[in-house]
Amino acid sequence: MNTHTIQELLQKVPLFKDLTDYEMEPIVELAKHRMYRHGTHIFMQGDPLTNVYFIHQGKVKIYKTDIHGKEQIVNVLQPGDMFPHQGFFRQGDCPAHSEVLEDAILIYIPIKNFENFLITHPEICIKLFRVLGDKIMDLHNRLEEKILHNTYEQIIMLLLRLAKDYGKETKDEMIKITTHFTNRELANMIGSSRETVSRTLTQLKKQNLIVSDKSGSFILDTDALEEELF
């Protein structure tokens, strides 16, 4: 993989969106890349945090497990995404598991090397912290969803969030979620049960708020779903 391809990918990542080509050059020099096969783990929850990863190709599931081994999906990441989000600025261990869902090519930057680079480039630090501030607000909003809304509303909010992240507008102005998620995966994202998600999706389909196409992908009437929350 050449440096132009690496730089092109990194500049699509929100963390680096405000950096110029000149500012990106030394960051690209720090980057390495590797292929990971489907089903392999990039790191496990509790492993030492040594690298931050960027997806060039494939999909990666980020999930946590409790003391009983129950899985809760934090996110399913696509090409262009980075993980873990707080990796460059957090000491300690990996906060979750990361599993490859589709054969993946990942670009990664060693955290220690990146920290040494930032020490000599404070102006870049400021730009990166602004982006991280936006991410903190997103996580804050997701926490509020969990605390202030019932399960029915949480599922609607989850569908709207997935539509924003993975949606594509259809001819009739609906939004199709282009990544397929099982009911179990949806339940794990909000800490609910598969049965509850299944019942809610059935209810939403009866109200014509969502439909499923032949491939099983969800197509949403996002305007009507938003009205359900008010």
C-alpha atoms as a PDB file:
ATOM      1  CA  MET A   1       0.000   0.000   0.000  1.00  0.00           C
ATOM      2  CA  ASN A   2       1.516   3.333  -1.045  1.00  0.00           C
ATOM      3  CA  THR A   3       1.665   6.502   1.050  1.00  0.00           C
ATOM      4  CA  HIS A   4      -0.933   8.258  -1.130  1.00  0.00           C
ATOM      5  CA  THR A   5      -3.520   5.546  -0.388  1.00  0.00           C
ATOM      6  CA  ILE A   6      -2.742   5.703   3.340  1.00  0.00           C
ATOM      7  CA  GLN A   7      -3.003   9.495   3.431  1.00  0.00           C
ATOM      8  CA  GLU A   8      -6.252   9.420   1.455  1.00  0.00           C
ATOM      9  CA  LEU A   9      -7.826   7.059   3.987  1.00  0.00           C
ATOM     10  CA  LEU A  10      -6.530   8.849   7.078  1.00  0.00           C
ATOM     11  CA  GLN A  11      -7.816  12.222   5.867  1.00  0.00           C
ATOM     12  CA  LYS A  12     -11.330  10.744   5.599  1.00  0.00           C
ATOM     13  CA  VAL A  13     -11.243   9.864   9.303  1.00  0.00           C
ATOM     14  CA  PRO A  14     -12.977  12.569  11.401  1.00  0.00           C
ATOM     15  CA  LEU A  15      -9.995  12.802  13.762  1.00  0.00           C
ATOM     16  CA  PHE A  16      -7.784  14.135  10.951  1.00  0.00           C
ATOM     17  CA  LYS A  17     -10.410  16.006   8.922  1.00  0.00           C
ATOM     18  CA  ASP A  18      -9.054  19.465   9.772  1.00  0.00           C
ATOM     19  CA  LEU A  19      -5.395  18.697   9.021  1.00  0.00           C
ATOM     20  CA  THR A  20      -3.664  19.954   5.874  1.00  0.00           C
ATOM     21  CA  ASP A  21      -1.653  17.740   3.496  1.00  0.00           C
ATOM     22  CA  TYR A  22       1.510  19.212   4.995  1.00  0.00           C
ATOM     23  CA  GLU A  23       0.393  18.356   8.546  1.00  0.00           C
ATOM     24  CA  MET A  24      -0.545  14.827   7.462  1.00  0.00           C
ATOM     25  CA  GLU A  25       2.836  13.923   5.947  1.00  0.00           C
ATOM     26  CA  PRO A  26       4.640  12.977   9.209  1.00  0.00           C
ATOM     27  CA  ILE A  27       1.554  11.102  10.433  1.00  0.00           C
ATOM     28  CA  VAL A  28       1.465   9.014   7.255  1.00  0.00           C
ATOM     29  CA  GLU A  29       5.132   8.138   7.806  1.00  0.00           C
ATOM     30  CA  LEU A  30       4.207   6.610  11.192  1.00  0.00           C
ATOM     31  CA  ALA A  31       1.487   4.378   9.692  1.00  0.00           C
ATOM     32  CA  LYS A  32       1.772   0.646   8.976  1.00  0.00           C
ATOM     33  CA  HIS A  33      -0.759  -1.785   7.462  1.00  0.00           C
ATOM     34  CA  ARG A  34      -1.769  -5.445   7.739  1.00  0.00           C
ATOM     35  CA  MET A  35      -4.468  -7.890   6.544  1.00  0.00           C
ATOM     36  CA  TYR A  36      -6.730  -9.666   9.079  1.00  0.00           C
ATOM     37  CA  ARG A  37      -8.900 -12.685   8.247  1.00  0.00           C
ATOM     38  CA  HIS A  38     -12.596 -13.070   9.060  1.00  0.00           C
ATOM     39  CA  GLY A  39     -13.170 -14.284  12.622  1.00  0.00           C
ATOM     40  CA  THR A  40      -9.807 -13.187  14.011  1.00  0.00           C
ATOM     41  CA  HIS A  41      -9.458 -10.756  16.907  1.00  0.00           C
ATOM     42  CA  ILE A  42      -7.298  -7.668  16.506  1.00  0.00           C
ATOM     43  CA  PHE A  43      -7.190  -7.190  20.268  1.00  0.00           C
ATOM     44  CA  MET A  44      -9.105  -8.443  23.297  1.00  0.00           C
ATOM     45  CA  GLN A  45     -10.674  -6.500  26.134  1.00  0.00           C
ATOM     46  CA  GLY A  46      -7.916  -5.961  28.699  1.00  0.00           C
ATOM     47  CA  ASP A  47      -4.998  -6.268  26.260  1.00  0.00           C
ATOM     48  CA  PRO A  48      -2.333  -3.528  26.429  1.00  0.00           C
ATOM     49  CA  LEU A  49      -3.346  -0.572  24.274  1.00  0.00           C
ATOM     50  CA  THR A  50      -0.502  -0.145  21.769  1.00  0.00           C
ATOM     51  CA  ASN A  51      -1.993   0.856  18.393  1.00  0.00           C
ATOM     52  CA  VAL A  52      -4.877   2.803  16.891  1.00  0.00           C
ATOM     53  CA  TYR A  53      -6.437   1.216  13.791  1.00  0.00           C
ATOM     54  CA  PHE A  54      -8.095   2.571  10.640  1.00  0.00           C
ATOM     55  CA  ILE A  55     -10.184   0.351   8.361  1.00  0.00           C
ATOM     56  CA  HIS A  56      -9.169   0.405   4.701  1.00  0.00           C
ATOM     57  CA  GLN A  57     -11.248  -2.638   3.763  1.00  0.00           C
ATOM     58  CA  GLY A  58     -13.631  -4.995   5.586  1.00  0.00           C
ATOM     59  CA  LYS A  59     -15.757  -4.721   8.731  1.00  0.00           C
ATOM     60  CA  VAL A  60     -14.857  -4.923  12.431  1.00  0.00           C
ATOM     61  CA  LYS A  61     -17.158  -5.579  15.384  1.00  0.00           C
ATOM     62  CA  ILE A  62     -16.383  -3.823  18.663  1.00  0.00           C
ATOM     63  CA  TYR A  63     -18.010  -5.519  21.662  1.00  0.00           C
ATOM     64  CA  LYS A  64     -17.720  -6.007  25.400  1.00  0.00           C
ATOM     65  CA  THR A  65     -18.439  -8.990  27.626  1.00  0.00           C
ATOM     66  CA  ASP A  66     -19.613  -8.960  31.239  1.00  0.00           C
ATOM     67  CA  ILE A  67     -18.550 -11.378  34.010  1.00  0.00           C
ATOM     68  CA  HIS A  68     -21.124 -13.882  32.751  1.00  0.00           C
ATOM     69  CA  GLY A  69     -19.767 -13.799  29.205  1.00  0.00           C
ATOM     70  CA  LYS A  70     -22.772 -11.926  27.793  1.00  0.00           C
ATOM     71  CA  GLU A  71     -21.855  -9.889  24.736  1.00  0.00           C
ATOM     72  CA  GLN A  72     -22.843  -6.278  24.140  1.00  0.00           C
ATOM     73  CA  ILE A  73     -21.990  -4.787  20.760  1.00  0.00           C
ATOM     74  CA  VAL A  74     -20.586  -1.287  20.966  1.00  0.00           C
ATOM     75  CA  ASN A  75     -20.337  -0.751  17.204  1.00  0.00           C
ATOM     76  CA  VAL A  76     -19.866  -2.385  13.816  1.00  0.00           C
ATOM     77  CA  LEU A  77     -17.181  -0.425  11.992  1.00  0.00           C
ATOM     78  CA  GLN A  78     -16.830   0.099   8.240  1.00  0.00           C
ATOM     79  CA  PRO A  79     -14.067   1.256   5.866  1.00  0.00           C
ATOM     80  CA  GLY A  80     -12.917   4.726   6.909  1.00  0.00           C
ATOM     81  CA  ASP A  81     -13.608   4.197  10.627  1.00  0.00           C
ATOM     82  CA  MET A  82     -10.944   4.294  13.349  1.00  0.00           C
ATOM     83  CA  PHE A  83     -10.806   2.396  16.647  1.00  0.00           C
ATOM     84  CA  PRO A  84     -10.535   2.569  19.552  1.00  0.00           C
ATOM     85  CA  HIS A  85     -11.688   6.204  19.369  1.00  0.00           C
ATOM     86  CA  GLN A  86      -9.931   7.287  22.551  1.00  0.00           C
ATOM     87  CA  GLY A  87      -6.811   5.256  21.794  1.00  0.00           C
ATOM     88  CA  PHE A  88      -4.281   8.024  21.179  1.00  0.00           C
ATOM     89  CA  PHE A  89      -5.135   9.870  24.387  1.00  0.00           C
ATOM     90  CA  ARG A  90      -5.842   7.131  26.909  1.00  0.00           C
ATOM     91  CA  GLN A  91      -3.455   5.061  28.980  1.00  0.00           C
ATOM     92  CA  GLY A  92      -4.259   1.535  30.108  1.00  0.00           C
ATOM     93  CA  ASP A  93      -5.798  -1.489  28.442  1.00  0.00           C
ATOM     94  CA  CYS A  94      -8.113  -2.032  25.476  1.00  0.00           C
ATOM     95  CA  PRO A  95     -11.674  -1.154  26.587  1.00  0.00           C
ATOM     96  CA  ALA A  96     -13.378  -3.784  24.386  1.00  0.00           C
ATOM     97  CA  HIS A  97     -12.885  -6.753  22.044  1.00  0.00           C
ATOM     98  CA  SER A  98     -12.433  -6.208  18.304  1.00  0.00           C
ATOM     99  CA  GLU A  99     -13.363  -9.022  15.897  1.00  0.00           C
ATOM    100  CA  VAL A 100     -13.051  -9.045  12.104  1.00  0.00           C
ATOM    101  CA  LEU A 101     -16.470  -9.671  10.485  1.00  0.00           C
ATOM    102  CA  GLU A 102     -15.166  -9.522   6.899  1.00  0.00           C
ATOM    103  CA  ASP A 103     -11.557  -9.944   5.723  1.00  0.00           C
ATOM    104  CA  ALA A 104      -9.969  -6.607   6.519  1.00  0.00           C
ATOM    105  CA  ILE A 105      -6.980  -4.489   5.592  1.00  0.00           C
ATOM    106  CA  LEU A 106      -6.138  -2.196   8.484  1.00  0.00           C
ATOM    107  CA  ILE A 107      -3.803   0.759   8.722  1.00  0.00           C
ATOM    108  CA  TYR A 108      -2.453   1.269  12.222  1.00  0.00           C
ATOM    109  CA  ILE A 109      -0.322   3.822  14.046  1.00  0.00           C
ATOM    110  CA  PRO A 110       1.697   2.929  17.177  1.00  0.00           C
ATOM    111  CA  ILE A 111       0.427   5.121  20.024  1.00  0.00           C
ATOM    112  CA  LYS A 112       3.854   5.793  21.520  1.00  0.00           C
ATOM    113  CA  ASN A 113       5.194   7.076  18.202  1.00  0.00           C
ATOM    114  CA  PHE A 114       2.135   9.264  17.741  1.00  0.00           C
ATOM    115  CA  GLU A 115       2.490  10.754  21.247  1.00  0.00           C
ATOM    116  CA  ASN A 116       6.108  11.665  20.537  1.00  0.00           C
ATOM    117  CA  PHE A 117       4.975  13.354  17.325  1.00  0.00           C
ATOM    118  CA  LEU A 118       2.273  15.387  19.134  1.00  0.00           C
ATOM    119  CA  ILE A 119       4.766  16.673  21.718  1.00  0.00           C
ATOM    120  CA  THR A 120       6.510  18.573  18.930  1.00  0.00           C
ATOM    121  CA  HIS A 121       3.293  19.662  17.125  1.00  0.00           C
ATOM    122  CA  PRO A 122       0.967  21.371  19.679  1.00  0.00           C
ATOM    123  CA  GLU A 123      -1.079  23.098  16.951  1.00  0.00           C
ATOM    124  CA  ILE A 124      -2.158  19.680  15.675  1.00  0.00           C
ATOM    125  CA  CYS A 125      -3.088  18.653  19.236  1.00  0.00           C
ATOM    126  CA  ILE A 126      -5.594  21.498  19.397  1.00  0.00           C
ATOM    127  CA  LYS A 127      -7.265  20.442  16.145  1.00  0.00           C
ATOM    128  CA  LEU A 128      -7.534  16.817  17.297  1.00  0.00           C
ATOM    129  CA  PHE A 129      -8.994  17.735  20.693  1.00  0.00           C
ATOM    130  CA  ARG A 130     -11.795  19.676  19.010  1.00  0.00           C
ATOM    131  CA  VAL A 131     -12.795  16.571  17.061  1.00  0.00           C
ATOM    132  CA  LEU A 132     -12.671  14.445  20.208  1.00  0.00           C
ATOM    133  CA  GLY A 133     -14.957  16.942  21.912  1.00  0.00           C
ATOM    134  CA  ASP A 134     -17.593  16.237  19.244  1.00  0.00           C
ATOM    135  CA  LYS A 135     -17.197  12.494  19.866  1.00  0.00           C
ATOM    136  CA  ILE A 136     -17.681  12.965  23.613  1.00  0.00           C
ATOM    137  CA  MET A 137     -20.957  14.790  22.936  1.00  0.00           C
ATOM    138  CA  ASP A 138     -22.143  11.904  20.734  1.00  0.00           C
ATOM    139  CA  LEU A 139     -21.426   9.409  23.518  1.00  0.00           C
ATOM    140  CA  HIS A 140     -23.150  11.712  26.006  1.00  0.00           C
ATOM    141  CA  ASN A 141     -26.272  11.760  23.823  1.00  0.00           C
ATOM    142  CA  ARG A 142     -26.263   7.965  23.585  1.00  0.00           C
ATOM    143  CA  LEU A 143     -26.051   7.710  27.376  1.00  0.00           C
ATOM    144  CA  GLU A 144     -29.009  10.069  27.698  1.00  0.00           C
ATOM    145  CA  GLU A 145     -30.991   7.816  25.346  1.00  0.00           C
ATOM    146  CA  LYS A 146     -30.378   4.914  27.712  1.00  0.00           C
ATOM    147  CA  ILE A 147     -31.326   6.838  30.858  1.00  0.00           C
ATOM    148  CA  LEU A 148     -34.249   8.977  29.691  1.00  0.00           C
ATOM    149  CA  HIS A 149     -36.106   6.784  27.188  1.00  0.00           C
ATOM    150  CA  ASN A 150     -37.960   3.470  27.288  1.00  0.00           C
ATOM    151  CA  THR A 151     -36.911   0.468  25.211  1.00  0.00           C
ATOM    152  CA  TYR A 152     -39.328   1.267  22.355  1.00  0.00           C
ATOM    153  CA  GLU A 153     -37.825   4.752  22.031  1.00  0.00           C
ATOM    154  CA  GLN A 154     -34.262   3.435  22.389  1.00  0.00           C
ATOM    155  CA  ILE A 155     -34.805   1.063  19.456  1.00  0.00           C
ATOM    156  CA  ILE A 156     -36.169   3.884  17.298  1.00  0.00           C
ATOM    157  CA  MET A 157     -33.168   6.056  18.225  1.00  0.00           C
ATOM    158  CA  LEU A 158     -30.819   3.188  17.397  1.00  0.00           C
ATOM    159  CA  LEU A 159     -32.417   2.738  13.961  1.00  0.00           C
ATOM    160  CA  LEU A 160     -32.138   6.477  13.294  1.00  0.00           C
ATOM    161  CA  ARG A 161     -28.488   6.454  14.357  1.00  0.00           C
ATOM    162  CA  LEU A 162     -27.742   3.479  12.076  1.00  0.00           C
ATOM    163  CA  ALA A 163     -29.556   5.248   9.244  1.00  0.00           C
ATOM    164  CA  LYS A 164     -27.302   8.262   9.768  1.00  0.00           C
ATOM    165  CA  ASP A 165     -24.118   6.157   9.853  1.00  0.00           C
ATOM    166  CA  TYR A 166     -24.951   3.501   7.229  1.00  0.00           C
ATOM    167  CA  GLY A 167     -27.976   4.906   5.387  1.00  0.00           C
ATOM    168  CA  LYS A 168     -28.581   5.517   1.704  1.00  0.00           C
ATOM    169  CA  GLU A 169     -31.582   7.416   0.340  1.00  0.00           C
ATOM    170  CA  THR A 170     -33.995   5.427  -1.857  1.00  0.00           C
ATOM    171  CA  LYS A 171     -36.026   6.655  -4.814  1.00  0.00           C
ATOM    172  CA  ASP A 172     -39.093   7.221  -2.637  1.00  0.00           C
ATOM    173  CA  GLU A 173     -37.121   9.317  -0.122  1.00  0.00           C
ATOM    174  CA  MET A 174     -36.836   6.551   2.460  1.00  0.00           C
ATOM    175  CA  ILE A 175     -33.491   5.600   4.038  1.00  0.00           C
ATOM    176  CA  LYS A 176     -32.049   2.113   3.546  1.00  0.00           C
ATOM    177  CA  ILE A 177     -29.557   0.836   6.128  1.00  0.00           C
ATOM    178  CA  THR A 178     -26.927  -0.694   3.841  1.00  0.00           C
ATOM    179  CA  THR A 179     -25.275  -2.838   6.536  1.00  0.00           C
ATOM    180  CA  HIS A 180     -27.259  -5.873   7.722  1.00  0.00           C
ATOM    181  CA  PHE A 181     -27.742  -6.289  11.476  1.00  0.00           C
ATOM    182  CA  THR A 182     -29.416  -9.246  13.168  1.00  0.00           C
ATOM    183  CA  ASN A 183     -31.996  -8.707  15.910  1.00  0.00           C
ATOM    184  CA  ARG A 184     -29.446 -10.079  18.371  1.00  0.00           C
ATOM    185  CA  GLU A 185     -26.859  -7.513  17.270  1.00  0.00           C
ATOM    186  CA  LEU A 186     -29.403  -4.693  17.543  1.00  0.00           C
ATOM    187  CA  ALA A 187     -30.366  -5.869  21.029  1.00  0.00           C
ATOM    188  CA  ASN A 188     -26.735  -6.034  22.104  1.00  0.00           C
ATOM    189  CA  MET A 189     -26.186  -2.446  20.971  1.00  0.00           C
ATOM    190  CA  ILE A 190     -28.690  -1.110  23.520  1.00  0.00           C
ATOM    191  CA  GLY A 191     -28.474  -3.805  26.213  1.00  0.00           C
ATOM    192  CA  SER A 192     -31.907  -5.240  25.448  1.00  0.00           C
ATOM    193  CA  SER A 193     -33.131  -8.730  24.484  1.00  0.00           C
ATOM    194  CA  ARG A 194     -33.546 -10.186  21.001  1.00  0.00           C
ATOM    195  CA  GLU A 195     -37.223 -10.895  21.732  1.00  0.00           C
ATOM    196  CA  THR A 196     -37.914  -7.277  22.693  1.00  0.00           C
ATOM    197  CA  VAL A 197     -36.238  -5.982  19.543  1.00  0.00           C
ATOM    198  CA  SER A 198     -38.147  -8.492  17.410  1.00  0.00           C
ATOM    199  CA  ARG A 199     -41.504  -7.436  18.908  1.00  0.00           C
ATOM    200  CA  THR A 200     -40.700  -3.754  18.459  1.00  0.00           C
ATOM    201  CA  LEU A 201     -39.602  -4.198  14.837  1.00  0.00           C
ATOM    202  CA  THR A 202     -42.823  -6.094  14.117  1.00  0.00           C
ATOM    203  CA  GLN A 203     -44.796  -3.240  15.676  1.00  0.00           C
ATOM    204  CA  LEU A 204     -42.914  -0.651  13.613  1.00  0.00           C
ATOM    205  CA  LYS A 205     -43.544  -2.647  10.425  1.00  0.00           C
ATOM    206  CA  LYS A 206     -47.290  -2.802  11.165  1.00  0.00           C
ATOM    207  CA  GLN A 207     -47.229   0.988  11.478  1.00  0.00           C
ATOM    208  CA  ASN A 208     -45.397   1.207   8.112  1.00  0.00           C
ATOM    209  CA  LEU A 209     -42.510   3.026   9.792  1.00  0.00           C
ATOM    210  CA  ILE A 210     -39.997   0.456   8.541  1.00  0.00           C
ATOM    211  CA  VAL A 211     -39.948  -2.307   5.929  1.00  0.00           C
ATOM    212  CA  SER A 212     -37.430  -5.020   5.032  1.00  0.00           C
ATOM    213  CA  ASP A 213     -36.282  -5.653   1.475  1.00  0.00           C
ATOM    214  CA  LYS A 214     -35.489  -9.069  -0.028  1.00  0.00           C
ATOM    215  CA  SER A 215     -31.970  -9.016   1.429  1.00  0.00           C
ATOM    216  CA  GLY A 216     -33.278  -8.327   4.937  1.00  0.00           C
ATOM    217  CA  SER A 217     -32.015  -4.733   5.022  1.00  0.00           C
ATOM    218  CA  PHE A 218     -34.167  -2.173   6.826  1.00  0.00           C
ATOM    219  CA  ILE A 219     -35.760   0.720   4.944  1.00  0.00           C
ATOM    220  CA  LEU A 220     -36.893   3.512   7.242  1.00  0.00           C
ATOM    221  CA  ASP A 221     -39.358   6.374   7.114  1.00  0.00           C
ATOM    222  CA  THR A 222     -37.017   8.503   9.224  1.00  0.00           C
ATOM    223  CA  ASP A 223     -39.352  11.506   9.440  1.00  0.00           C
ATOM    224  CA  ALA A 224     -42.183   9.368  10.809  1.00  0.00           C
ATOM    225  CA  LEU A 225     -39.824   7.581  13.214  1.00  0.00           C
ATOM    226  CA  GLU A 226     -38.626  10.913  14.599  1.00  0.00           C
ATOM    227  CA  GLU A 227     -42.257  11.952  15.169  1.00  0.00           C
ATOM    228  CA  GLU A 228     -42.694   8.827  17.324  1.00  0.00           C
ATOM    229  CA  LEU A 229     -40.221  10.288  19.799  1.00  0.00           C
ATOM    230  CA  PHE A 230     -42.226  13.456  20.437  1.00  0.00           C
END
